[in-house]
Full PDB file with SEQRES, HELIX, SHEET, SSBOND, CRYST1, ORIGX, SCALE, CONECT and MASTER records, all heavy atoms in Angstrom:
SEQRES   1 A   31  GLY TRP PHE ARG GLN ALA PRO GLY LYS GLU ARG GLU PHE          
SEQRES   2 A   31  VAL GLY ALA ILE THR TRP LYS GLY ASP ASN THR TYR TYR          
SEQRES   3 A   31  ALA ASP SER VAL LYS                                          
SHEET    1 AA1 3 TRP A   2  ARG A   4  0                                        
SHEET    2 AA1 3 GLU A  12  ILE A  17 -1                                        
SHEET    3 AA1 3 THR A  24  TYR A  26 -1                                        
CRYST1    1.000    1.000    1.000  90.00  90.00  90.00 P 1           1          
ORIGX1      1.000000  0.000000  0.000000        0.00000                         
ORIGX2      0.000000  1.000000  0.000000        0.00000                         
ORIGX3      0.000000  0.000000  1.000000        0.00000                         
SCALE1      1.000000  0.000000  0.000000        0.00000                         
SCALE2      0.000000  1.000000  0.000000        0.00000                         
SCALE3      0.000000  0.000000  1.000000        0.00000                         
ATOM      1  N   GLY A   1      -0.055  -9.226  -6.053  1.00  0.00           N  
ATOM      2  CA  GLY A   1      -0.301  -8.320  -4.895  1.00  0.00           C  
ATOM      3  C   GLY A   1      -1.304  -8.881  -4.018  1.00  0.00           C  
ATOM      4  O   GLY A   1      -2.020  -9.962  -4.275  1.00  0.00           O  
ATOM      5  N   TRP A   2      -1.424  -8.269  -2.844  1.00  0.00           N  
ATOM      6  CA  TRP A   2      -2.375  -8.623  -1.716  1.00  0.00           C  
ATOM      7  C   TRP A   2      -3.192  -7.331  -1.489  1.00  0.00           C  
ATOM      8  O   TRP A   2      -2.760  -6.309  -1.356  1.00  0.00           O  
ATOM      9  CB  TRP A   2      -1.689  -9.032  -0.522  1.00  0.00           C  
ATOM     10  CG  TRP A   2      -0.984 -10.397  -0.585  1.00  0.00           C  
ATOM     11  CD1 TRP A   2       0.277 -10.748  -0.798  1.00  0.00           C  
ATOM     12  CD2 TRP A   2      -1.694 -11.607  -0.490  1.00  0.00           C  
ATOM     13  NE1 TRP A   2       0.440 -12.011  -0.810  1.00  0.00           N  
ATOM     14  CE2 TRP A   2      -0.728 -12.603  -0.598  1.00  0.00           C  
ATOM     15  CE3 TRP A   2      -2.993 -12.004  -0.132  1.00  0.00           C  
ATOM     16  CZ2 TRP A   2      -1.022 -14.027  -0.441  1.00  0.00           C  
ATOM     17  CZ3 TRP A   2      -3.331 -13.441   0.070  1.00  0.00           C  
ATOM     18  CH2 TRP A   2      -2.365 -14.356  -0.124  1.00  0.00           C  
ATOM     19  N   PHE A   3      -4.496  -7.535  -1.336  1.00  0.00           N  
ATOM     20  CA  PHE A   3      -5.489  -6.620  -0.990  1.00  0.00           C  
ATOM     21  C   PHE A   3      -6.370  -7.151   0.084  1.00  0.00           C  
ATOM     22  O   PHE A   3      -6.404  -8.345   0.291  1.00  0.00           O  
ATOM     23  CB  PHE A   3      -6.330  -6.149  -2.108  1.00  0.00           C  
ATOM     24  CG  PHE A   3      -5.643  -5.589  -3.274  1.00  0.00           C  
ATOM     25  CD1 PHE A   3      -4.905  -6.246  -4.206  1.00  0.00           C  
ATOM     26  CD2 PHE A   3      -5.673  -4.121  -3.434  1.00  0.00           C  
ATOM     27  CE1 PHE A   3      -4.203  -5.481  -5.230  1.00  0.00           C  
ATOM     28  CE2 PHE A   3      -5.005  -3.457  -4.396  1.00  0.00           C  
ATOM     29  CZ  PHE A   3      -4.349  -4.183  -5.342  1.00  0.00           C  
ATOM     30  N   ARG A   4      -7.024  -6.275   0.877  1.00  0.00           N  
ATOM     31  CA  ARG A   4      -7.948  -6.846   1.818  1.00  0.00           C  
ATOM     32  C   ARG A   4      -9.252  -5.882   1.835  1.00  0.00           C  
ATOM     33  O   ARG A   4      -9.182  -4.736   1.444  1.00  0.00           O  
ATOM     34  CB  ARG A   4      -7.318  -6.817   3.229  1.00  0.00           C  
ATOM     35  CG  ARG A   4      -6.912  -5.462   3.807  1.00  0.00           C  
ATOM     36  CD  ARG A   4      -6.063  -5.582   5.030  1.00  0.00           C  
ATOM     37  NE  ARG A   4      -5.671  -4.304   5.593  1.00  0.00           N  
ATOM     38  CZ  ARG A   4      -4.673  -4.246   6.498  1.00  0.00           C  
ATOM     39  NH1 ARG A   4      -4.134  -5.269   7.050  1.00  0.00           N  
ATOM     40  NH2 ARG A   4      -4.355  -2.969   6.939  1.00  0.00           N  
ATOM     41  N   GLN A   5     -10.333  -6.447   2.292  1.00  0.00           N  
ATOM     42  CA  GLN A   5     -11.560  -5.772   2.357  1.00  0.00           C  
ATOM     43  C   GLN A   5     -12.201  -6.068   3.755  1.00  0.00           C  
ATOM     44  O   GLN A   5     -12.663  -7.250   3.912  1.00  0.00           O  
ATOM     45  CB  GLN A   5     -12.483  -6.072   1.175  1.00  0.00           C  
ATOM     46  CG  GLN A   5     -13.700  -5.238   1.109  1.00  0.00           C  
ATOM     47  CD  GLN A   5     -14.399  -5.249  -0.216  1.00  0.00           C  
ATOM     48  OE1 GLN A   5     -14.186  -6.258  -0.950  1.00  0.00           O  
ATOM     49  NE2 GLN A   5     -15.152  -4.269  -0.526  1.00  0.00           N  
ATOM     50  N   ALA A   6     -12.352  -5.179   4.570  1.00  0.00           N  
ATOM     51  CA  ALA A   6     -13.023  -5.195   5.851  1.00  0.00           C  
ATOM     52  C   ALA A   6     -14.513  -5.075   5.681  1.00  0.00           C  
ATOM     53  O   ALA A   6     -14.872  -4.290   4.773  1.00  0.00           O  
ATOM     54  CB  ALA A   6     -12.390  -4.336   6.862  1.00  0.00           C  
ATOM     55  N   PRO A   7     -15.325  -5.494   6.588  1.00  0.00           N  
ATOM     56  CA  PRO A   7     -16.814  -5.307   6.507  1.00  0.00           C  
ATOM     57  C   PRO A   7     -17.173  -3.795   6.400  1.00  0.00           C  
ATOM     58  O   PRO A   7     -16.632  -2.945   7.139  1.00  0.00           O  
ATOM     59  CB  PRO A   7     -17.362  -5.871   7.797  1.00  0.00           C  
ATOM     60  CG  PRO A   7     -16.368  -6.872   8.053  1.00  0.00           C  
ATOM     61  CD  PRO A   7     -15.030  -6.347   7.761  1.00  0.00           C  
ATOM     62  N   GLY A   8     -17.972  -3.403   5.456  1.00  0.00           N  
ATOM     63  CA  GLY A   8     -18.344  -2.017   5.240  1.00  0.00           C  
ATOM     64  C   GLY A   8     -17.299  -1.039   4.680  1.00  0.00           C  
ATOM     65  O   GLY A   8     -17.499   0.153   4.601  1.00  0.00           O  
ATOM     66  N   LYS A   9     -16.175  -1.594   4.241  1.00  0.00           N  
ATOM     67  CA  LYS A   9     -15.077  -0.724   3.740  1.00  0.00           C  
ATOM     68  C   LYS A   9     -14.759  -1.162   2.335  1.00  0.00           C  
ATOM     69  O   LYS A   9     -15.023  -2.253   1.864  1.00  0.00           O  
ATOM     70  CB  LYS A   9     -13.871  -0.784   4.696  1.00  0.00           C  
ATOM     71  CG  LYS A   9     -14.095  -0.224   6.052  1.00  0.00           C  
ATOM     72  CD  LYS A   9     -12.801  -0.262   6.855  1.00  0.00           C  
ATOM     73  CE  LYS A   9     -13.054   0.338   8.269  1.00  0.00           C  
ATOM     74  NZ  LYS A   9     -11.842   0.283   9.057  1.00  0.00           N  
ATOM     75  N   GLU A  10     -14.023  -0.280   1.640  1.00  0.00           N  
ATOM     76  CA  GLU A  10     -13.589  -0.498   0.281  1.00  0.00           C  
ATOM     77  C   GLU A  10     -12.317  -1.394   0.430  1.00  0.00           C  
ATOM     78  O   GLU A  10     -11.640  -1.413   1.308  1.00  0.00           O  
ATOM     79  CB  GLU A  10     -13.275   0.736  -0.478  1.00  0.00           C  
ATOM     80  CG  GLU A  10     -14.573   1.522  -0.785  1.00  0.00           C  
ATOM     81  CD  GLU A  10     -14.269   2.771  -1.669  1.00  0.00           C  
ATOM     82  OE1 GLU A  10     -13.009   3.100  -1.831  1.00  0.00           O  
ATOM     83  OE2 GLU A  10     -15.278   3.365  -2.050  1.00  0.00           O  
ATOM     84  N   ARG A  11     -12.054  -2.132  -0.661  1.00  0.00           N  
ATOM     85  CA  ARG A  11     -10.895  -2.952  -0.850  1.00  0.00           C  
ATOM     86  C   ARG A  11      -9.588  -2.076  -0.832  1.00  0.00           C  
ATOM     87  O   ARG A  11      -9.541  -1.035  -1.558  1.00  0.00           O  
ATOM     88  CB  ARG A  11     -10.958  -3.798  -2.123  1.00  0.00           C  
ATOM     89  CG  ARG A  11      -9.940  -4.903  -2.186  1.00  0.00           C  
ATOM     90  CD  ARG A  11     -10.244  -5.766  -3.326  1.00  0.00           C  
ATOM     91  NE  ARG A  11     -11.549  -6.383  -3.151  1.00  0.00           N  
ATOM     92  CZ  ARG A  11     -12.008  -7.410  -3.957  1.00  0.00           C  
ATOM     93  NH1 ARG A  11     -11.315  -7.777  -4.974  1.00  0.00           N  
ATOM     94  NH2 ARG A  11     -13.230  -7.966  -3.673  1.00  0.00           N  
ATOM     95  N   GLU A  12      -8.634  -2.416  -0.121  1.00  0.00           N  
ATOM     96  CA  GLU A  12      -7.403  -1.661   0.164  1.00  0.00           C  
ATOM     97  C   GLU A  12      -6.149  -2.387  -0.219  1.00  0.00           C  
ATOM     98  O   GLU A  12      -6.159  -3.666   0.034  1.00  0.00           O  
ATOM     99  CB  GLU A  12      -7.316  -0.957   1.519  1.00  0.00           C  
ATOM    100  CG  GLU A  12      -7.139  -2.029   2.544  1.00  0.00           C  
ATOM    101  CD  GLU A  12      -6.837  -1.274   3.937  1.00  0.00           C  
ATOM    102  OE1 GLU A  12      -6.472  -0.091   3.938  1.00  0.00           O  
ATOM    103  OE2 GLU A  12      -7.065  -1.972   4.953  1.00  0.00           O  
ATOM    104  N   PHE A  13      -5.171  -1.774  -0.630  1.00  0.00           N  
ATOM    105  CA  PHE A  13      -3.901  -2.408  -0.972  1.00  0.00           C  
ATOM    106  C   PHE A  13      -3.176  -2.685   0.189  1.00  0.00           C  
ATOM    107  O   PHE A  13      -3.147  -1.893   1.235  1.00  0.00           O  
ATOM    108  CB  PHE A  13      -3.066  -1.307  -1.844  1.00  0.00           C  
ATOM    109  CG  PHE A  13      -1.651  -1.813  -2.053  1.00  0.00           C  
ATOM    110  CD1 PHE A  13      -1.426  -2.733  -3.076  1.00  0.00           C  
ATOM    111  CD2 PHE A  13      -0.606  -1.220  -1.320  1.00  0.00           C  
ATOM    112  CE1 PHE A  13      -0.063  -3.119  -3.307  1.00  0.00           C  
ATOM    113  CE2 PHE A  13       0.619  -1.630  -1.613  1.00  0.00           C  
ATOM    114  CZ  PHE A  13       0.923  -2.562  -2.603  1.00  0.00           C  
ATOM    115  N   VAL A  14      -2.524  -3.830   0.291  1.00  0.00           N  
ATOM    116  CA  VAL A  14      -1.736  -4.356   1.414  1.00  0.00           C  
ATOM    117  C   VAL A  14      -0.239  -4.327   1.017  1.00  0.00           C  
ATOM    118  O   VAL A  14       0.586  -3.779   1.761  1.00  0.00           O  
ATOM    119  CB  VAL A  14      -2.140  -5.760   1.936  1.00  0.00           C  
ATOM    120  CG1 VAL A  14      -1.209  -6.262   3.033  1.00  0.00           C  
ATOM    121  CG2 VAL A  14      -3.595  -5.694   2.456  1.00  0.00           C  
ATOM    122  N   GLY A  15       0.046  -5.094  -0.093  1.00  0.00           N  
ATOM    123  CA  GLY A  15       1.502  -5.194  -0.532  1.00  0.00           C  
ATOM    124  C   GLY A  15       1.488  -5.869  -1.846  1.00  0.00           C  
ATOM    125  O   GLY A  15       0.531  -6.509  -2.360  1.00  0.00           O  
ATOM    126  N   ALA A  16       2.654  -5.838  -2.537  1.00  0.00           N  
ATOM    127  CA  ALA A  16       2.768  -6.400  -3.838  1.00  0.00           C  
ATOM    128  C   ALA A  16       4.285  -6.630  -4.132  1.00  0.00           C  
ATOM    129  O   ALA A  16       5.254  -6.069  -3.501  1.00  0.00           O  
ATOM    130  CB  ALA A  16       2.210  -5.534  -4.958  1.00  0.00           C  
ATOM    131  N   ILE A  17       4.551  -7.497  -5.058  1.00  0.00           N  
ATOM    132  CA  ILE A  17       5.912  -7.812  -5.483  1.00  0.00           C  
ATOM    133  C   ILE A  17       5.968  -8.030  -6.986  1.00  0.00           C  
ATOM    134  O   ILE A  17       4.971  -8.599  -7.510  1.00  0.00           O  
ATOM    135  CB  ILE A  17       6.367  -9.149  -4.715  1.00  0.00           C  
ATOM    136  CG1 ILE A  17       7.873  -9.329  -5.018  1.00  0.00           C  
ATOM    137  CG2 ILE A  17       5.559 -10.408  -5.147  1.00  0.00           C  
ATOM    138  CD1 ILE A  17       8.530 -10.390  -4.008  1.00  0.00           C  
ATOM    139  N   THR A  18       6.957  -7.476  -7.547  1.00  0.00           N  
ATOM    140  CA  THR A  18       7.186  -7.717  -8.965  1.00  0.00           C  
ATOM    141  C   THR A  18       7.880  -9.041  -9.341  1.00  0.00           C  
ATOM    142  O   THR A  18       8.702  -9.443  -8.501  1.00  0.00           O  
ATOM    143  CB  THR A  18       7.907  -6.482  -9.609  1.00  0.00           C  
ATOM    144  OG1 THR A  18       9.326  -6.527  -9.037  1.00  0.00           O  
ATOM    145  CG2 THR A  18       7.297  -5.145  -9.404  1.00  0.00           C  
ATOM    146  N   TRP A  19       7.569  -9.687 -10.316  1.00  0.00           N  
ATOM    147  CA  TRP A  19       8.036 -11.057 -10.509  1.00  0.00           C  
ATOM    148  C   TRP A  19       9.440 -11.170 -10.983  1.00  0.00           C  
ATOM    149  O   TRP A  19      10.116 -12.080 -10.730  1.00  0.00           O  
ATOM    150  CB  TRP A  19       7.021 -11.836 -11.488  1.00  0.00           C  
ATOM    151  CG  TRP A  19       6.975 -13.197 -11.107  1.00  0.00           C  
ATOM    152  CD1 TRP A  19       7.411 -14.210 -11.882  1.00  0.00           C  
ATOM    153  CD2 TRP A  19       6.447 -13.784  -9.940  1.00  0.00           C  
ATOM    154  NE1 TRP A  19       7.177 -15.410 -11.138  1.00  0.00           N  
ATOM    155  CE2 TRP A  19       6.600 -15.183 -10.039  1.00  0.00           C  
ATOM    156  CE3 TRP A  19       5.933 -13.279  -8.758  1.00  0.00           C  
ATOM    157  CZ2 TRP A  19       6.252 -16.062  -9.039  1.00  0.00           C  
ATOM    158  CZ3 TRP A  19       5.599 -14.143  -7.715  1.00  0.00           C  
ATOM    159  CH2 TRP A  19       5.769 -15.442  -7.936  1.00  0.00           C  
ATOM    160  N   LYS A  20       9.844 -10.230 -11.794  1.00  0.00           N  
ATOM    161  CA  LYS A  20      11.225 -10.329 -12.270  1.00  0.00           C  
ATOM    162  C   LYS A  20      12.195  -9.369 -11.447  1.00  0.00           C  
ATOM    163  O   LYS A  20      13.377  -9.832 -11.197  1.00  0.00           O  
ATOM    164  CB  LYS A  20      11.300  -9.751 -13.757  1.00  0.00           C  
ATOM    165  CG  LYS A  20      10.557 -10.677 -14.709  1.00  0.00           C  
ATOM    166  CD  LYS A  20      10.726 -10.195 -16.155  1.00  0.00           C  
ATOM    167  CE  LYS A  20      10.069 -11.162 -17.070  1.00  0.00           C  
ATOM    168  NZ  LYS A  20      10.163 -10.775 -18.581  1.00  0.00           N  
ATOM    169  N   GLY A  21      11.820  -8.240 -11.110  1.00  0.00           N  
ATOM    170  CA  GLY A  21      12.761  -7.329 -10.319  1.00  0.00           C  
ATOM    171  C   GLY A  21      12.769  -7.577  -8.860  1.00  0.00           C  
ATOM    172  O   GLY A  21      13.622  -7.053  -8.163  1.00  0.00           O  
ATOM    173  N   ASP A  22      11.823  -8.383  -8.283  1.00  0.00           N  
ATOM    174  CA  ASP A  22      11.793  -8.645  -6.878  1.00  0.00           C  
ATOM    175  C   ASP A  22      11.610  -7.397  -5.972  1.00  0.00           C  
ATOM    176  O   ASP A  22      12.079  -7.399  -4.894  1.00  0.00           O  
ATOM    177  CB  ASP A  22      12.971  -9.466  -6.458  1.00  0.00           C  
ATOM    178  CG  ASP A  22      12.774 -10.150  -5.210  1.00  0.00           C  
ATOM    179  OD1 ASP A  22      11.593 -10.501  -4.800  1.00  0.00           O  
ATOM    180  OD2 ASP A  22      13.768 -10.501  -4.445  1.00  0.00           O  
ATOM    181  N   ASN A  23      11.013  -6.336  -6.626  1.00  0.00           N  
ATOM    182  CA  ASN A  23      10.621  -5.239  -5.869  1.00  0.00           C  
ATOM    183  C   ASN A  23       9.350  -5.350  -5.037  1.00  0.00           C  
ATOM    184  O   ASN A  23       8.377  -5.933  -5.524  1.00  0.00           O  
ATOM    185  CB  ASN A  23      10.523  -3.964  -6.747  1.00  0.00           C  
ATOM    186  CG  ASN A  23      11.815  -3.764  -7.504  1.00  0.00           C  
ATOM    187  OD1 ASN A  23      11.733  -3.735  -8.747  1.00  0.00           O  
ATOM    188  ND2 ASN A  23      12.885  -3.480  -6.861  1.00  0.00           N  
ATOM    189  N   THR A  24       9.356  -4.969  -3.869  1.00  0.00           N  
ATOM    190  CA  THR A  24       8.183  -5.043  -2.983  1.00  0.00           C  
ATOM    191  C   THR A  24       7.571  -3.635  -2.576  1.00  0.00           C  
ATOM    192  O   THR A  24       8.347  -2.626  -2.553  1.00  0.00           O  
ATOM    193  CB  THR A  24       8.563  -5.715  -1.617  1.00  0.00           C  
ATOM    194  OG1 THR A  24       9.649  -5.079  -0.987  1.00  0.00           O  
ATOM    195  CG2 THR A  24       8.821  -7.197  -1.892  1.00  0.00           C  
ATOM    196  N   TYR A  25       6.365  -3.641  -2.384  1.00  0.00           N  
ATOM    197  CA  TYR A  25       5.580  -2.392  -2.070  1.00  0.00           C  
ATOM    198  C   TYR A  25       4.673  -2.716  -0.948  1.00  0.00           C  
ATOM    199  O   TYR A  25       4.006  -3.839  -0.936  1.00  0.00           O  
ATOM    200  CB  TYR A  25       4.818  -1.877  -3.307  1.00  0.00           C  
ATOM    201  CG  TYR A  25       5.679  -1.761  -4.542  1.00  0.00           C  
ATOM    202  CD1 TYR A  25       6.035  -2.700  -5.313  1.00  0.00           C  
ATOM    203  CD2 TYR A  25       6.131  -0.374  -4.867  1.00  0.00           C  
ATOM    204  CE1 TYR A  25       6.842  -2.597  -6.478  1.00  0.00           C  
ATOM    205  CE2 TYR A  25       6.829  -0.219  -6.107  1.00  0.00           C  
ATOM    206  CZ  TYR A  25       7.220  -1.331  -6.787  1.00  0.00           C  
ATOM    207  OH  TYR A  25       7.966  -1.105  -7.917  1.00  0.00           O  
ATOM    208  N   TYR A  26       4.491  -1.794  -0.113  1.00  0.00           N  
ATOM    209  CA  TYR A  26       3.669  -2.016   1.106  1.00  0.00           C  
ATOM    210  C   TYR A  26       2.807  -0.820   1.391  1.00  0.00           C  
ATOM    211  O   TYR A  26       3.138   0.393   1.181  1.00  0.00           O  
ATOM    212  CB  TYR A  26       4.456  -2.321   2.323  1.00  0.00           C  
ATOM    213  CG  TYR A  26       5.284  -3.574   2.290  1.00  0.00           C  
ATOM    214  CD1 TYR A  26       6.503  -3.497   1.939  1.00  0.00           C  
ATOM    215  CD2 TYR A  26       4.660  -4.836   2.527  1.00  0.00           C  
ATOM    216  CE1 TYR A  26       7.301  -4.677   1.842  1.00  0.00           C  
ATOM    217  CE2 TYR A  26       5.443  -5.985   2.553  1.00  0.00           C  
ATOM    218  CZ  TYR A  26       6.752  -5.910   2.118  1.00  0.00           C  
ATOM    219  OH  TYR A  26       7.466  -7.078   2.040  1.00  0.00           O  
ATOM    220  N   ALA A  27       1.591  -1.037   1.969  1.00  0.00           N  
ATOM    221  CA  ALA A  27       0.812   0.044   2.520  1.00  0.00           C  
ATOM    222  C   ALA A  27       1.502   0.587   3.756  1.00  0.00           C  
ATOM    223  O   ALA A  27       2.137  -0.196   4.498  1.00  0.00           O  
ATOM    224  CB  ALA A  27      -0.650  -0.406   2.840  1.00  0.00           C  
ATOM    225  N   ASP A  28       1.375   1.848   4.038  1.00  0.00           N  
ATOM    226  CA  ASP A  28       2.023   2.426   5.110  1.00  0.00           C  
ATOM    227  C   ASP A  28       1.556   1.772   6.471  1.00  0.00           C  
ATOM    228  O   ASP A  28       2.381   1.626   7.350  1.00  0.00           O  
ATOM    229  CB  ASP A  28       1.725   3.945   5.297  1.00  0.00           C  
ATOM    230  CG  ASP A  28       2.340   4.726   4.191  1.00  0.00           C  
ATOM    231  OD1 ASP A  28       3.414   4.259   3.597  1.00  0.00           O  
ATOM    232  OD2 ASP A  28       1.976   5.873   3.973  1.00  0.00           O  
ATOM    233  N   SER A  29       0.358   1.282   6.554  1.00  0.00           N  
ATOM    234  CA  SER A  29      -0.149   0.733   7.728  1.00  0.00           C  
ATOM    235  C   SER A  29       0.450  -0.584   8.149  1.00  0.00           C  
ATOM    236  O   SER A  29       0.375  -1.035   9.248  1.00  0.00           O  
ATOM    237  CB  SER A  29      -1.686   0.579   7.634  1.00  0.00           C  
ATOM    238  OG  SER A  29      -1.942  -0.224   6.592  1.00  0.00           O  
ATOM    239  N   VAL A  30       1.095  -1.260   7.137  1.00  0.00           N  
ATOM    240  CA  VAL A  30       1.590  -2.600   7.408  1.00  0.00           C  
ATOM    241  C   VAL A  30       3.192  -2.660   7.377  1.00  0.00           C  
ATOM    242  O   VAL A  30       3.833  -3.731   7.638  1.00  0.00           O  
ATOM    243  CB  VAL A  30       1.073  -3.703   6.497  1.00  0.00           C  
ATOM    244  CG1 VAL A  30      -0.465  -3.630   6.520  1.00  0.00           C  
ATOM    245  CG2 VAL A  30       1.553  -3.485   5.154  1.00  0.00           C  
ATOM    246  N   LYS A  31       3.837  -1.595   7.009  1.00  0.00           N  
ATOM    247  CA  LYS A  31       5.348  -1.579   6.933  1.00  0.00           C  
ATOM    248  C   LYS A  31       5.948  -1.862   8.261  1.00  0.00           C  
ATOM    249  O   LYS A  31       5.549  -1.388   9.282  1.00  0.00           O  
ATOM    250  CB  LYS A  31       5.812  -0.199   6.435  1.00  0.00           C  
ATOM    251  CG  LYS A  31       5.483   0.116   4.999  1.00  0.00           C  
ATOM    252  CD  LYS A  31       6.032   1.397   4.690  1.00  0.00           C  
ATOM    253  CE  LYS A  31       5.736   1.773   3.101  1.00  0.00           C  
ATOM    254  NZ  LYS A  31       6.154   3.141   2.745  1.00  0.00           N  
TER     255      LYS A  31                                                      
MASTER        0    0    0    0    3    0    0    6  254    1    0    3          
END                                                                             
């Protein structure tokens, strides 16, 4: 998965992928 952390903010989820099923997940803000 990918996460990001902006200055002064908590780390947030960006997206992820499963290795066998090839399923993807995204934060609403980046879809």
